[in-house]
N, C-alpha and C. Protein backbone atom coordinates (compact mmCIF):
# COMPACT_ATOMS: atom_id res chain seq x y z
N UNK A 1 117.64 52.29 120.35
CA UNK A 1 117.90 53.07 119.16
C UNK A 1 116.60 53.82 118.79
N UNK A 2 116.72 55.10 118.51
CA UNK A 2 115.55 55.90 118.16
C UNK A 2 115.11 55.63 116.71
N UNK A 3 113.90 56.07 116.39
CA UNK A 3 113.39 55.91 115.02
C UNK A 3 114.30 56.63 114.03
N UNK A 4 114.80 57.81 114.41
CA UNK A 4 115.68 58.54 113.51
C UNK A 4 116.99 57.77 113.29
N UNK A 5 117.54 57.17 114.32
CA UNK A 5 118.78 56.41 114.17
C UNK A 5 118.58 55.20 113.25
N UNK A 6 117.42 54.55 113.36
CA UNK A 6 117.11 53.42 112.48
C UNK A 6 117.02 53.94 111.04
N UNK A 7 116.35 55.07 110.84
CA UNK A 7 116.24 55.65 109.51
C UNK A 7 117.61 56.05 108.96
N UNK A 8 118.41 56.68 109.78
CA UNK A 8 119.77 57.08 109.36
C UNK A 8 120.59 55.88 108.93
N UNK A 9 120.55 54.80 109.71
CA UNK A 9 121.30 53.60 109.37
C UNK A 9 120.75 52.95 108.09
N UNK A 10 119.45 53.00 107.91
CA UNK A 10 118.83 52.45 106.71
C UNK A 10 119.28 53.20 105.47
N UNK A 11 119.26 54.53 105.52
CA UNK A 11 119.71 55.33 104.38
C UNK A 11 121.17 55.04 104.08
N UNK A 12 121.99 54.96 105.10
CA UNK A 12 123.41 54.66 104.90
C UNK A 12 123.58 53.30 104.23
N UNK A 13 122.83 52.31 104.67
CA UNK A 13 122.93 50.96 104.09
C UNK A 13 122.46 50.95 102.64
N UNK A 14 121.34 51.60 102.35
CA UNK A 14 120.79 51.59 100.99
C UNK A 14 121.77 52.24 100.02
N UNK A 15 122.42 53.32 100.43
CA UNK A 15 123.36 54.02 99.56
C UNK A 15 124.80 53.51 99.68
N UNK A 16 125.04 52.56 100.57
CA UNK A 16 126.37 51.99 100.71
C UNK A 16 127.39 52.93 101.34
N UNK A 17 126.93 53.75 102.28
CA UNK A 17 127.80 54.69 102.97
C UNK A 17 127.86 54.34 104.45
N UNK A 18 128.92 54.76 105.11
CA UNK A 18 128.91 54.65 106.56
C UNK A 18 128.32 55.94 107.14
N UNK A 19 128.03 55.92 108.42
CA UNK A 19 127.37 57.06 109.04
C UNK A 19 128.21 58.33 108.96
N UNK A 20 129.52 58.19 109.08
CA UNK A 20 130.41 59.35 109.01
C UNK A 20 130.31 60.04 107.66
N UNK A 21 130.31 59.27 106.59
CA UNK A 21 130.20 59.87 105.25
C UNK A 21 128.81 60.46 105.03
N UNK A 22 127.78 59.76 105.51
CA UNK A 22 126.41 60.25 105.32
C UNK A 22 126.22 61.60 105.99
N UNK A 23 126.73 61.76 107.19
CA UNK A 23 126.51 63.00 107.94
C UNK A 23 127.69 63.96 107.89
N UNK A 24 128.69 63.63 107.11
CA UNK A 24 129.88 64.48 107.01
C UNK A 24 129.61 65.77 106.25
N UNK A 25 130.65 66.53 106.07
CA UNK A 25 130.53 67.83 105.42
C UNK A 25 130.80 67.79 103.91
N UNK A 26 131.13 66.61 103.38
CA UNK A 26 131.45 66.50 101.96
C UNK A 26 130.26 66.92 101.09
N UNK A 27 130.55 67.62 100.02
CA UNK A 27 129.49 68.09 99.12
C UNK A 27 129.44 67.30 97.82
N UNK A 28 130.21 66.21 97.75
CA UNK A 28 130.14 65.36 96.57
C UNK A 28 128.72 64.81 96.43
N UNK A 29 128.27 64.70 95.20
CA UNK A 29 126.92 64.22 94.94
C UNK A 29 126.66 62.85 95.57
N UNK A 30 127.67 61.98 95.58
CA UNK A 30 127.48 60.65 96.14
C UNK A 30 127.23 60.68 97.65
N UNK A 31 127.53 61.82 98.29
CA UNK A 31 127.25 61.99 99.72
C UNK A 31 126.05 62.89 99.95
N UNK A 32 125.89 63.92 99.13
CA UNK A 32 124.82 64.88 99.37
C UNK A 32 123.44 64.32 99.01
N UNK A 33 123.35 63.51 97.97
CA UNK A 33 122.04 62.94 97.60
C UNK A 33 121.51 62.03 98.71
N UNK A 34 122.31 61.10 99.24
CA UNK A 34 121.81 60.30 100.36
C UNK A 34 121.45 61.15 101.59
N UNK A 35 122.24 62.18 101.85
CA UNK A 35 121.95 63.07 102.98
C UNK A 35 120.60 63.76 102.77
N UNK A 36 120.35 64.21 101.55
CA UNK A 36 119.07 64.85 101.24
C UNK A 36 117.93 63.84 101.32
N UNK A 37 118.20 62.60 100.95
CA UNK A 37 117.18 61.55 101.09
C UNK A 37 116.85 61.34 102.57
N UNK A 38 117.85 61.41 103.42
CA UNK A 38 117.62 61.29 104.86
C UNK A 38 116.74 62.43 105.36
N UNK A 39 117.05 63.65 104.93
CA UNK A 39 116.22 64.80 105.32
C UNK A 39 114.78 64.57 104.90
N UNK A 40 114.60 64.16 103.66
CA UNK A 40 113.24 63.98 103.12
C UNK A 40 112.50 62.90 103.88
N UNK A 41 113.14 61.77 104.11
CA UNK A 41 112.49 60.67 104.83
C UNK A 41 112.16 61.07 106.26
N UNK A 42 113.05 61.81 106.89
CA UNK A 42 112.82 62.24 108.28
C UNK A 42 111.64 63.19 108.36
N UNK A 43 111.54 64.10 107.41
CA UNK A 43 110.44 65.07 107.41
C UNK A 43 109.13 64.41 106.99
N UNK A 44 109.17 63.67 105.89
CA UNK A 44 107.94 63.11 105.32
C UNK A 44 107.44 61.87 106.08
N UNK A 45 108.33 60.96 106.43
CA UNK A 45 107.91 59.70 107.06
C UNK A 45 107.82 59.80 108.59
N UNK A 46 108.76 60.49 109.19
CA UNK A 46 108.76 60.59 110.65
C UNK A 46 108.02 61.82 111.16
N UNK A 47 107.76 62.76 110.26
CA UNK A 47 107.05 63.97 110.66
C UNK A 47 107.88 64.95 111.46
N UNK A 48 109.19 64.86 111.34
CA UNK A 48 110.07 65.78 112.07
C UNK A 48 110.15 67.12 111.35
N UNK A 49 110.36 68.17 112.09
CA UNK A 49 110.50 69.50 111.50
C UNK A 49 111.93 69.70 111.01
N UNK A 50 112.14 70.70 110.16
CA UNK A 50 113.48 71.00 109.67
C UNK A 50 114.44 71.32 110.80
N UNK A 51 114.04 72.13 111.80
CA UNK A 51 114.98 72.40 112.91
C UNK A 51 115.37 71.15 113.69
N UNK A 52 114.42 70.24 113.89
CA UNK A 52 114.73 69.01 114.62
C UNK A 52 115.69 68.14 113.81
N UNK A 53 115.42 67.99 112.52
CA UNK A 53 116.32 67.21 111.66
C UNK A 53 117.70 67.86 111.65
N UNK A 54 117.73 69.18 111.62
CA UNK A 54 119.00 69.89 111.66
C UNK A 54 119.80 69.58 112.92
N UNK A 55 119.13 69.56 114.05
CA UNK A 55 119.83 69.24 115.30
C UNK A 55 120.34 67.79 115.29
N UNK A 56 119.55 66.89 114.74
CA UNK A 56 119.94 65.48 114.71
C UNK A 56 121.08 65.19 113.74
N UNK A 57 121.23 66.05 112.73
CA UNK A 57 122.27 65.84 111.72
C UNK A 57 123.40 66.87 111.81
N UNK A 58 123.34 67.73 112.82
CA UNK A 58 124.34 68.78 113.01
C UNK A 58 124.38 69.72 111.81
N UNK A 59 123.18 70.12 111.36
CA UNK A 59 123.03 71.03 110.23
C UNK A 59 122.13 72.18 110.63
N UNK A 60 122.25 73.26 109.91
CA UNK A 60 121.38 74.40 110.07
C UNK A 60 120.00 74.08 109.47
N UNK A 61 118.95 74.64 110.04
CA UNK A 61 117.59 74.43 109.56
C UNK A 61 117.47 74.74 108.08
N UNK A 62 118.10 75.81 107.65
CA UNK A 62 117.99 76.20 106.24
C UNK A 62 118.67 75.21 105.31
N UNK A 63 119.74 74.57 105.77
CA UNK A 63 120.40 73.53 104.97
C UNK A 63 119.49 72.31 104.81
N UNK A 64 118.82 71.95 105.89
CA UNK A 64 117.88 70.82 105.84
C UNK A 64 116.72 71.17 104.92
N UNK A 65 116.20 72.38 105.04
CA UNK A 65 115.09 72.82 104.20
C UNK A 65 115.47 72.75 102.72
N UNK A 66 116.61 73.30 102.40
CA UNK A 66 117.07 73.32 101.01
C UNK A 66 117.28 71.89 100.49
N UNK A 67 117.91 71.03 101.30
CA UNK A 67 118.12 69.65 100.89
C UNK A 67 116.82 68.89 100.72
N UNK A 68 115.88 69.13 101.61
CA UNK A 68 114.57 68.47 101.52
C UNK A 68 113.85 68.89 100.24
N UNK A 69 113.80 70.17 99.99
CA UNK A 69 113.14 70.68 98.79
C UNK A 69 113.82 70.16 97.53
N UNK A 70 115.13 70.19 97.51
CA UNK A 70 115.88 69.71 96.34
C UNK A 70 115.60 68.23 96.10
N UNK A 71 115.56 67.45 97.16
CA UNK A 71 115.32 66.01 96.99
C UNK A 71 113.87 65.75 96.55
N UNK A 72 112.92 66.52 97.05
CA UNK A 72 111.53 66.36 96.60
C UNK A 72 111.41 66.65 95.10
N UNK A 73 112.13 67.66 94.63
CA UNK A 73 112.14 67.96 93.19
C UNK A 73 112.77 66.81 92.40
N UNK A 74 113.84 66.25 92.96
CA UNK A 74 114.52 65.13 92.31
C UNK A 74 113.59 63.92 92.23
N UNK A 75 112.80 63.69 93.27
CA UNK A 75 111.87 62.56 93.27
C UNK A 75 110.83 62.68 92.16
N UNK A 76 110.44 63.90 91.83
CA UNK A 76 109.45 64.11 90.76
C UNK A 76 109.99 63.73 89.39
N UNK A 77 111.29 63.91 89.18
CA UNK A 77 111.83 63.75 87.84
C UNK A 77 112.73 62.51 87.66
N UNK A 78 113.14 61.87 88.72
CA UNK A 78 114.11 60.78 88.61
C UNK A 78 113.53 59.46 89.14
N UNK A 79 113.21 58.53 88.25
CA UNK A 79 112.64 57.26 88.69
C UNK A 79 113.57 56.46 89.61
N UNK A 80 114.87 56.57 89.40
CA UNK A 80 115.82 55.86 90.25
C UNK A 80 115.75 56.37 91.69
N UNK A 81 115.62 57.68 91.85
CA UNK A 81 115.51 58.24 93.19
C UNK A 81 114.21 57.81 93.86
N UNK A 82 113.12 57.72 93.08
CA UNK A 82 111.86 57.23 93.65
C UNK A 82 112.01 55.79 94.12
N UNK A 83 112.70 54.98 93.33
CA UNK A 83 112.95 53.59 93.70
C UNK A 83 113.79 53.51 94.97
N UNK A 84 114.83 54.33 95.05
CA UNK A 84 115.68 54.36 96.26
C UNK A 84 114.86 54.75 97.49
N UNK A 85 113.97 55.74 97.34
CA UNK A 85 113.16 56.18 98.48
C UNK A 85 112.19 55.07 98.92
N UNK A 86 111.61 54.36 97.95
CA UNK A 86 110.74 53.24 98.30
C UNK A 86 111.54 52.16 99.06
N UNK A 87 112.75 51.91 98.61
CA UNK A 87 113.60 50.92 99.27
C UNK A 87 113.93 51.37 100.69
N UNK A 88 114.26 52.65 100.85
CA UNK A 88 114.56 53.19 102.19
C UNK A 88 113.37 53.01 103.11
N UNK A 89 112.20 53.43 102.65
CA UNK A 89 111.01 53.39 103.52
C UNK A 89 110.59 51.95 103.81
N UNK A 90 110.71 51.06 102.82
CA UNK A 90 110.36 49.66 103.04
C UNK A 90 111.30 49.00 104.04
N UNK A 91 112.59 49.24 103.88
CA UNK A 91 113.57 48.67 104.79
C UNK A 91 113.41 49.24 106.19
N UNK A 92 113.17 50.54 106.26
CA UNK A 92 112.96 51.20 107.56
C UNK A 92 111.76 50.57 108.27
N UNK A 93 110.66 50.41 107.54
CA UNK A 93 109.45 49.83 108.13
C UNK A 93 109.72 48.42 108.64
N UNK A 94 110.41 47.61 107.86
CA UNK A 94 110.73 46.25 108.27
C UNK A 94 111.60 46.25 109.53
N UNK A 95 112.56 47.13 109.57
CA UNK A 95 113.45 47.18 110.76
C UNK A 95 112.70 47.64 112.00
N UNK A 96 111.78 48.57 111.82
CA UNK A 96 111.01 49.04 112.98
C UNK A 96 110.06 47.95 113.47
N UNK A 97 109.48 47.18 112.55
CA UNK A 97 108.57 46.10 112.94
C UNK A 97 109.32 44.97 113.65
N UNK A 98 110.59 44.79 113.28
CA UNK A 98 111.40 43.71 113.85
C UNK A 98 111.88 44.04 115.27
N UNK A 99 111.74 45.28 115.68
CA UNK A 99 112.24 45.69 117.00
C UNK A 99 111.38 45.15 118.10
């Protein structure tokens, strides 16, 4: 399993979604916020570019860029989202160390 797949599964678990819902086309907030968190974690923690994340999530580069920027803005103003991101990164780190 690649680092991105571990991260994707971690985000899905933290938000209580399955992979299909996380990467699906639904625009409901309960699906788009976790998807944007995945974009942000992939770019910030894994160092992947927007085009690479787009290919891995079957999205256009500009969609990933917009979601990443939107989620970074949300992290500045929403303590719950900051807590969720810490949980994602902590769980991801633990899973990678356990491999």
